[in-house]
Amino acid sequence: MCSSSWKTMAVALLLIELWFTIESSLAHPDKIVKLPGQPPRLSFQQFSGYVTVDYKKHKALFYYFVEAETDPASKPLVLWLNGGPGCSSLGVGAFSENGPFRPNGEFLVKNDYSWNREANMLYLETPIGVGFSYSTNTSSYEAVDDEITARDNLVFLQNWYNKFPNYRHRDLYITGESYAGHYIPQLAKLMVEFNKKQNLFNLKGIALGNPVLEFATDFNSRAEYFWSHGLISDSTYNMFTSVCNYSRYVSEYYRDSVSPSCSKVMSQVSRETSKFVDKYDVTLDVCISSVLSQSMAINPQQVSERVDVCVEDKIVNYLNRKDVQKALHARLVGVRLWTVCSNILDYQLLNLEMPTISIVGSLIKSGIPVLVYR
């Protein structure tokens, strides 16, 4: 081969190397190259990382974002929030319910019913102290309430758009479950107010799954649910509705003042329902979904024993692997382990008693469609 051919080849190789260097530098810093154990040949991109919501207190919220399987540019953006308060949208929503994968031992199994088949899904671990979200100022975990959470979530979205400007003004939906019945309406309200000054959020609707919207109504459905499924006797049902209903018990419990009458009723309810039934879906097997953890966060437990939670165990094991955390660009700050529901967060649980149903009504009046599903 002549020298000119060698020179041509050398230049070509240099150009290829330069192209790969430029391509690499242009890659999004939060892009996930590959999650350990994930199925081969994915048709969508994944991203995860941190968004700072308070620079003074070094508060950073962790997110996991999966683009739609096909034509993501034409699909809406959906923000998913789990409840608790204090439970992980990454562990519960993304890896247990509607995300693209579910952990199974060393591998991730494809979820055929993943919502990213139709939407770009954004999962947020909120508030600070949940999952991989953290603050270097531990006072940020104290006396956290709905107002602080809503404000941080608003700032998160504003700053997330800076990371992903192509999603700014994209059709946006917010959905979640349980205590997200507080998180979502209050966030949506702030977004509507923000848009009056600067039109940033193209909020098209919200969906609330089994939400806490009105404390007394929602919590007191428990007696009817247990009785109608044959879990408690007629006499216990009558006690549960007349002597001490569930909202009264929860209210007393979080004020450290459980009355003898409420203690007696709840002990009887616990004996009859037993620890071998999932109180949130009585048709499930004993090995139940990790949705139990977020329910436990706002529901006082009369029985100390816990049923083996199979799905939750797999998620906890997977997200505590160092190679998984590295792939997710995640880190543990101030805690040894990732947990489904935070054990360092001091949430003001009496916020439960503040109804958000009126906020839902105001959102509907402002033109935001709302779906409530059970």
Protein backbone atom coordinates (compact mmCIF):
# COMPACT_ATOMS: atom_id res chain seq x y z
CA MET A 1 0.00 0.00 0.00
CA CYS A 2 1.39 3.45 -0.94
CA SER A 3 2.14 6.11 1.61
CA SER A 4 -0.74 8.29 0.44
CA SER A 5 -3.18 5.45 1.13
CA TRP A 6 -1.77 5.02 4.62
CA LYS A 7 -2.17 8.75 5.21
CA THR A 8 -5.76 8.64 3.96
CA MET A 9 -6.56 5.71 6.26
CA ALA A 10 -4.88 7.43 9.21
CA VAL A 11 -6.89 10.58 8.64
CA ALA A 12 -10.07 8.51 8.38
CA LEU A 13 -9.31 6.76 11.66
CA LEU A 14 -8.62 10.10 13.34
CA LEU A 15 -11.92 11.46 12.05
CA ILE A 16 -13.79 8.40 13.34
CA GLU A 17 -12.11 8.75 16.73
CA LEU A 18 -12.94 12.47 16.79
CA TRP A 19 -16.58 11.70 15.92
CA PHE A 20 -16.87 9.22 18.77
CA THR A 21 -15.29 11.76 21.15
CA ILE A 22 -17.74 14.46 20.10
CA GLU A 23 -20.67 12.03 20.27
CA SER A 24 -19.60 10.98 23.75
CA SER A 25 -19.27 14.57 24.94
CA LEU A 26 -22.72 15.38 23.58
CA ALA A 27 -24.31 12.45 25.43
CA HIS A 28 -26.53 13.49 28.32
CA PRO A 29 -24.55 13.22 31.58
CA ASP A 30 -27.51 11.49 33.29
CA LYS A 31 -28.00 8.90 30.55
CA ILE A 32 -27.95 5.31 31.82
CA VAL A 33 -25.66 3.22 29.67
CA LYS A 34 -27.06 -0.06 30.96
CA LEU A 35 -28.72 -1.26 34.12
CA PRO A 36 -27.24 -4.49 35.50
CA GLY A 37 -29.34 -7.44 34.39
CA GLN A 38 -31.56 -5.50 32.01
CA PRO A 39 -32.96 -7.24 28.92
CA PRO A 40 -30.92 -6.82 25.72
CA ARG A 41 -31.81 -4.53 22.81
CA LEU A 42 -33.98 -1.90 24.46
CA SER A 43 -35.89 0.46 22.19
CA PHE A 44 -35.87 3.40 24.63
CA GLN A 45 -33.40 5.56 26.54
CA GLN A 46 -33.11 5.77 30.33
CA PHE A 47 -31.79 8.59 32.49
CA SER A 48 -31.34 9.10 36.21
CA GLY A 49 -29.59 11.47 38.56
CA TYR A 50 -30.06 14.47 40.80
CA VAL A 51 -31.75 17.84 40.56
CA THR A 52 -30.83 20.40 43.20
CA VAL A 53 -33.86 22.15 44.70
CA ASP A 54 -32.11 24.18 47.42
CA TYR A 55 -28.47 25.18 47.00
CA LYS A 56 -28.12 26.66 50.50
CA LYS A 57 -29.18 23.46 52.21
CA HIS A 58 -27.75 21.22 49.44
CA LYS A 59 -31.10 19.50 48.87
CA ALA A 60 -31.09 17.19 45.86
CA LEU A 61 -33.99 15.08 44.61
CA PHE A 62 -33.30 11.85 42.74
CA TYR A 63 -35.20 10.96 39.57
CA TYR A 64 -35.46 8.07 37.12
CA PHE A 65 -36.67 8.88 33.63
CA VAL A 66 -37.55 6.44 30.86
CA GLU A 67 -38.52 7.65 27.42
CA ALA A 68 -41.42 6.12 25.52
CA GLU A 69 -40.67 2.90 23.66
CA THR A 70 -41.66 4.42 20.30
CA ASP A 71 -41.55 7.99 18.99
CA PRO A 72 -40.89 9.69 22.36
CA ALA A 73 -40.95 13.13 20.71
CA SER A 74 -44.68 12.76 20.07
CA LYS A 75 -45.58 11.30 23.48
CA PRO A 76 -46.54 13.23 26.63
CA LEU A 77 -44.46 13.50 29.80
CA VAL A 78 -45.92 11.80 32.90
CA LEU A 79 -44.62 12.57 36.38
CA TRP A 80 -45.29 9.70 38.81
CA LEU A 81 -45.33 10.17 42.59
CA ASN A 82 -45.80 7.46 45.21
CA GLY A 83 -47.18 8.21 48.62
CA GLY A 84 -46.33 7.27 52.15
CA PRO A 85 -45.62 10.02 52.94
CA GLY A 86 -41.98 9.16 52.48
CA CYS A 87 -42.04 6.19 50.09
CA SER A 88 -40.06 5.78 46.91
CA SER A 89 -41.45 6.31 43.42
CA LEU A 90 -38.34 4.54 42.12
CA GLY A 91 -38.77 1.38 44.19
CA VAL A 92 -42.56 1.20 44.21
CA GLY A 93 -43.75 2.94 41.05
CA ALA A 94 -40.89 2.25 38.66
CA PHE A 95 -39.69 -1.18 39.81
CA SER A 96 -42.90 -2.65 41.21
CA GLU A 97 -45.88 -1.14 39.42
CA ASN A 98 -45.74 0.63 36.06
CA GLY A 99 -42.08 0.99 35.10
CA PRO A 100 -40.32 -0.95 32.32
CA PHE A 101 -38.67 -3.56 34.56
CA ARG A 102 -39.12 -5.61 37.71
CA PRO A 103 -36.18 -7.12 39.61
CA ASN A 104 -36.03 -10.90 39.75
CA GLY A 105 -32.85 -12.11 41.39
CA GLU A 106 -29.83 -10.91 39.42
CA PHE A 107 -31.92 -9.82 36.46
CA LEU A 108 -34.54 -7.30 35.42
CA VAL A 109 -37.67 -8.74 33.84
CA LYS A 110 -39.52 -6.73 31.21
CA ASN A 111 -42.89 -5.40 32.30
CA ASP A 112 -45.25 -5.88 29.36
CA TYR A 113 -47.67 -3.37 30.87
CA SER A 114 -45.18 -0.58 31.43
CA TRP A 115 -46.58 2.89 31.03
CA ASN A 116 -43.60 3.92 28.93
CA ARG A 117 -45.20 2.06 26.06
CA GLU A 118 -47.38 5.17 25.69
CA ALA A 119 -45.61 7.94 27.60
CA ASN A 120 -42.28 9.34 28.74
CA MET A 121 -42.23 8.38 32.43
CA LEU A 122 -40.54 10.47 35.11
CA TYR A 123 -40.30 8.95 38.62
CA LEU A 124 -39.34 11.25 41.49
CA GLU A 125 -38.12 10.23 44.94
CA THR A 126 -39.72 12.92 47.09
CA PRO A 127 -39.52 14.52 49.62
CA ILE A 128 -35.89 14.96 50.64
CA GLY A 129 -34.73 11.92 52.62
CA VAL A 130 -36.66 9.42 50.50
CA GLY A 131 -34.66 6.78 48.63
CA PHE A 132 -31.56 8.32 47.07
CA SER A 133 -32.76 11.92 47.57
CA TYR A 134 -30.71 13.69 50.20
CA SER A 135 -29.55 16.88 51.89
CA THR A 136 -26.15 17.48 53.44
CA ASN A 137 -28.02 19.49 56.09
CA THR A 138 -29.88 16.91 58.18
CA SER A 139 -32.28 19.58 59.45
CA SER A 140 -33.91 19.29 56.02
CA TYR A 141 -35.38 15.96 57.16
CA GLU A 142 -37.11 17.53 60.18
CA ALA A 143 -40.67 18.84 60.29
CA VAL A 144 -41.23 18.26 56.57
CA ASP A 145 -44.78 19.00 55.51
CA ASP A 146 -47.02 19.25 52.45
CA GLU A 147 -46.09 22.87 51.78
CA ILE A 148 -42.34 22.17 51.75
CA THR A 149 -42.84 19.08 49.59
CA ALA A 150 -44.98 20.90 47.02
CA ARG A 151 -42.48 23.75 46.78
CA ASP A 152 -39.51 21.39 46.34
CA ASN A 153 -41.38 19.40 43.69
CA LEU A 154 -42.15 22.59 41.76
CA VAL A 155 -38.49 23.65 41.82
CA PHE A 156 -37.51 20.14 40.79
CA LEU A 157 -39.63 20.33 37.64
CA GLN A 158 -38.32 23.80 36.78
CA ASN A 159 -34.72 22.64 37.08
CA TRP A 160 -35.39 19.27 35.43
CA TYR A 161 -36.55 21.15 32.35
CA ASN A 162 -33.13 22.80 32.27
CA LYS A 163 -31.63 19.31 31.98
CA PHE A 164 -34.16 18.25 29.36
CA PRO A 165 -35.16 21.43 27.48
CA ASN A 166 -36.81 19.44 24.70
CA TYR A 167 -39.50 18.42 27.20
CA ARG A 168 -40.27 22.00 28.19
CA HIS A 169 -43.86 22.83 27.17
CA ARG A 170 -44.50 19.15 26.35
CA ASP A 171 -47.97 17.90 27.35
CA LEU A 172 -47.60 17.04 31.04
CA TYR A 173 -49.64 14.73 33.25
CA ILE A 174 -49.09 14.09 36.95
CA THR A 175 -50.25 10.86 38.52
CA GLY A 176 -49.61 8.75 41.61
CA GLU A 177 -51.30 7.01 44.51
CA SER A 178 -52.04 7.03 48.21
CA TYR A 179 -50.55 10.12 49.90
CA ALA A 180 -49.92 11.51 46.42
CA GLY A 181 -53.53 12.61 46.92
CA HIS A 182 -51.85 15.37 48.92
CA TYR A 183 -48.65 15.75 46.90
CA ILE A 184 -50.22 16.07 43.45
CA PRO A 185 -53.09 18.54 43.96
CA GLN A 186 -50.83 20.88 45.93
CA LEU A 187 -48.09 20.68 43.28
CA ALA A 188 -50.63 21.23 40.50
CA LYS A 189 -52.01 24.26 42.32
CA LEU A 190 -48.52 25.82 42.49
CA MET A 191 -48.04 25.08 38.79
CA VAL A 192 -51.28 26.84 37.87
CA GLU A 193 -50.26 29.85 39.96
CA PHE A 194 -46.75 29.85 38.45
CA ASN A 195 -48.19 29.80 34.92
CA LYS A 196 -50.00 33.08 35.59
CA LYS A 197 -46.59 34.76 35.80
CA GLN A 198 -44.58 32.59 33.41
CA ASN A 199 -46.23 30.01 31.19
CA LEU A 200 -43.92 27.01 31.70
CA PHE A 201 -46.02 23.98 32.63
CA ASN A 202 -48.29 22.55 29.95
CA LEU A 203 -50.34 20.64 32.52
CA LYS A 204 -53.01 18.63 30.73
CA GLY A 205 -54.40 16.58 33.61
CA ILE A 206 -53.82 14.69 36.84
CA ALA A 207 -54.78 11.16 37.90
CA LEU A 208 -55.00 10.00 41.52
CA GLY A 209 -55.01 6.32 42.45
CA ASN A 210 -56.66 5.37 45.75
CA PRO A 211 -55.77 8.84 47.03
CA VAL A 212 -56.02 10.42 50.46
CA LEU A 213 -58.22 13.42 49.68
CA GLU A 214 -60.52 13.76 52.68
CA PHE A 215 -59.28 12.23 55.90
CA ALA A 216 -62.49 11.13 57.59
CA THR A 217 -64.20 9.84 54.43
CA ASP A 218 -61.21 7.96 53.01
CA PHE A 219 -60.04 6.35 56.24
CA ASN A 220 -63.49 5.40 57.46
CA SER A 221 -64.14 3.31 54.36
CA ARG A 222 -61.96 0.68 56.00
CA ALA A 223 -64.76 -0.67 58.21
CA GLU A 224 -67.10 -1.11 55.24
CA TYR A 225 -64.31 -2.75 53.21
CA PHE A 226 -63.44 -5.29 55.91
CA TRP A 227 -67.07 -6.11 56.71
CA SER A 228 -68.18 -6.42 53.06
CA HIS A 229 -65.34 -8.90 52.42
CA GLY A 230 -66.24 -11.02 55.44
CA LEU A 231 -63.10 -10.14 57.41
CA ILE A 232 -64.89 -8.83 60.49
CA SER A 233 -68.12 -9.82 62.23
CA ASP A 234 -71.30 -7.76 62.36
CA SER A 235 -70.68 -6.84 66.00
CA THR A 236 -67.11 -5.72 65.29
CA TYR A 237 -68.33 -3.70 62.30
CA ASN A 238 -70.82 -1.92 64.56
CA MET A 239 -68.06 -1.16 67.07
CA PHE A 240 -65.77 0.01 64.25
CA THR A 241 -68.36 2.52 63.06
CA SER A 242 -69.98 3.68 66.30
CA VAL A 243 -67.52 3.26 69.20
CA CYS A 244 -64.27 4.20 67.42
CA ASN A 245 -63.96 4.67 63.68
CA TYR A 246 -60.60 4.49 61.92
CA SER A 247 -60.09 8.22 61.39
CA ARG A 248 -60.57 8.82 65.10
CA TYR A 249 -58.06 6.10 65.94
CA VAL A 250 -55.43 7.44 63.52
CA SER A 251 -55.94 10.96 64.84
CA GLU A 252 -55.46 9.76 68.43
CA TYR A 253 -52.49 7.59 67.48
CA TYR A 254 -50.50 10.46 65.97
CA ARG A 255 -51.24 12.59 69.00
CA ASP A 256 -49.97 9.81 71.31
CA SER A 257 -53.33 9.67 73.03
CA VAL A 258 -55.11 6.46 72.01
CA SER A 259 -58.21 6.07 74.16
CA PRO A 260 -59.07 2.74 75.84
CA SER A 261 -62.20 2.41 73.70
CA CYS A 262 -60.25 2.86 70.44
CA SER A 263 -57.52 0.48 71.59
CA LYS A 264 -60.15 -2.18 72.37
CA VAL A 265 -61.85 -1.80 68.97
CA MET A 266 -58.60 -1.91 66.99
CA SER A 267 -57.39 -4.97 68.89
CA GLN A 268 -60.61 -6.77 68.00
CA VAL A 269 -60.35 -5.74 64.32
CA SER A 270 -56.74 -6.95 64.19
CA ARG A 271 -57.62 -10.31 65.73
CA GLU A 272 -60.38 -10.95 63.22
CA THR A 273 -58.55 -9.79 60.10
CA SER A 274 -55.28 -11.50 61.18
CA LYS A 275 -51.75 -10.84 59.95
CA PHE A 276 -52.15 -13.30 57.08
CA VAL A 277 -54.35 -11.02 54.98
CA ASP A 278 -53.19 -8.00 53.00
CA LYS A 279 -55.49 -5.28 54.33
CA TYR A 280 -55.22 -3.33 51.06
CA ASP A 281 -56.15 -6.18 48.73
CA VAL A 282 -57.70 -9.10 50.56
CA THR A 283 -57.62 -11.25 47.41
CA LEU A 284 -53.82 -11.28 47.22
CA ASP A 285 -51.65 -14.16 48.39
CA VAL A 286 -49.68 -13.84 51.62
CA CYS A 287 -46.64 -12.81 49.57
CA ILE A 288 -47.71 -9.27 48.83
CA SER A 289 -46.64 -6.26 46.78
CA SER A 290 -44.36 -3.51 48.04
CA VAL A 291 -47.33 -1.14 47.93
CA LEU A 292 -47.81 -2.27 51.55
CA SER A 293 -44.88 -0.17 52.73
CA GLN A 294 -46.29 3.15 51.61
CA SER A 295 -49.65 2.22 53.13
CA MET A 296 -47.97 1.35 56.41
CA ALA A 297 -46.44 4.81 56.61
CA ILE A 298 -49.81 6.45 57.27
CA ASN A 299 -51.61 3.55 58.91
CA PRO A 300 -50.69 2.69 62.52
CA GLN A 301 -50.03 -1.01 63.00
CA GLN A 302 -51.62 -3.00 65.79
CA VAL A 303 -49.70 -6.18 64.99
CA SER A 304 -45.91 -6.13 65.15
CA GLU A 305 -45.31 -9.12 62.86
CA ARG A 306 -44.76 -8.41 59.18
CA VAL A 307 -45.67 -10.71 56.35
CA ASP A 308 -42.80 -11.58 54.00
CA VAL A 309 -42.98 -9.01 51.20
CA CYS A 310 -41.49 -10.80 48.19
CA VAL A 311 -41.48 -8.03 45.62
CA GLU A 312 -40.15 -5.51 48.09
CA ASP A 313 -37.27 -7.77 49.08
CA LYS A 314 -36.16 -8.12 45.45
CA ILE A 315 -36.31 -4.36 44.92
CA VAL A 316 -34.36 -3.61 48.09
CA ASN A 317 -31.67 -6.16 47.17
CA TYR A 318 -31.37 -4.81 43.63
CA LEU A 319 -31.20 -1.10 44.49
CA ASN A 320 -28.64 -1.72 47.24
CA ARG A 321 -26.18 -3.29 44.80
CA LYS A 322 -23.16 -1.05 44.22
CA ASP A 323 -23.12 -1.73 40.49
CA VAL A 324 -26.78 -0.75 40.23
CA GLN A 325 -26.23 2.47 42.16
CA LYS A 326 -23.27 3.30 39.92
CA ALA A 327 -25.35 2.70 36.79
CA LEU A 328 -28.12 4.91 38.20
CA HIS A 329 -25.65 7.71 39.12
CA ALA A 330 -27.07 7.35 42.64
CA ARG A 331 -25.37 7.62 46.01
CA LEU A 332 -26.29 7.06 49.63
CA VAL A 333 -25.77 10.14 51.80
CA GLY A 334 -26.22 9.84 55.56
CA VAL A 335 -27.75 6.35 55.33
CA ARG A 336 -26.27 2.88 54.91
CA LEU A 337 -29.04 1.38 52.80
CA TRP A 338 -31.68 2.36 50.28
CA THR A 339 -35.14 1.64 51.72
CA VAL A 340 -38.61 1.57 50.17
CA CYS A 341 -39.91 4.07 52.74
CA SER A 342 -37.66 6.57 54.52
CA ASN A 343 -36.69 5.98 58.14
CA ILE A 344 -34.89 9.34 58.47
CA LEU A 345 -37.74 11.59 57.33
CA ASP A 346 -39.77 13.33 60.04
CA TYR A 347 -42.98 14.10 58.16
CA GLN A 348 -45.78 16.08 59.78
CA LEU A 349 -48.34 13.29 59.64
CA LEU A 350 -51.14 15.45 60.99
CA ASN A 351 -51.14 17.01 57.51
CA LEU A 352 -53.27 13.94 56.80
CA GLU A 353 -56.23 15.72 58.35
CA MET A 354 -56.07 18.62 55.92
CA PRO A 355 -58.48 17.88 53.04
CA THR A 356 -57.18 18.30 49.51
CA ILE A 357 -60.52 17.60 47.84
CA SER A 358 -61.18 21.36 47.70
CA ILE A 359 -57.91 21.85 45.80
CA VAL A 360 -59.01 19.18 43.34
CA GLY A 361 -62.23 21.13 42.86
CA SER A 362 -60.34 24.36 42.19
CA LEU A 363 -58.12 22.58 39.63
CA ILE A 364 -61.19 21.32 37.78
CA LYS A 365 -62.64 24.84 37.76
CA SER A 366 -59.36 26.14 36.31
CA GLY A 367 -59.68 23.68 33.41
CA ILE A 368 -57.41 20.84 34.60
CA PRO A 369 -59.08 17.42 34.13
CA VAL A 370 -58.82 15.15 37.18
CA LEU A 371 -59.24 11.36 37.25
CA VAL A 372 -59.69 9.61 40.59
CA TYR A 373 -59.43 5.83 40.39
CA ARG A 374 -59.49 3.09 43.01
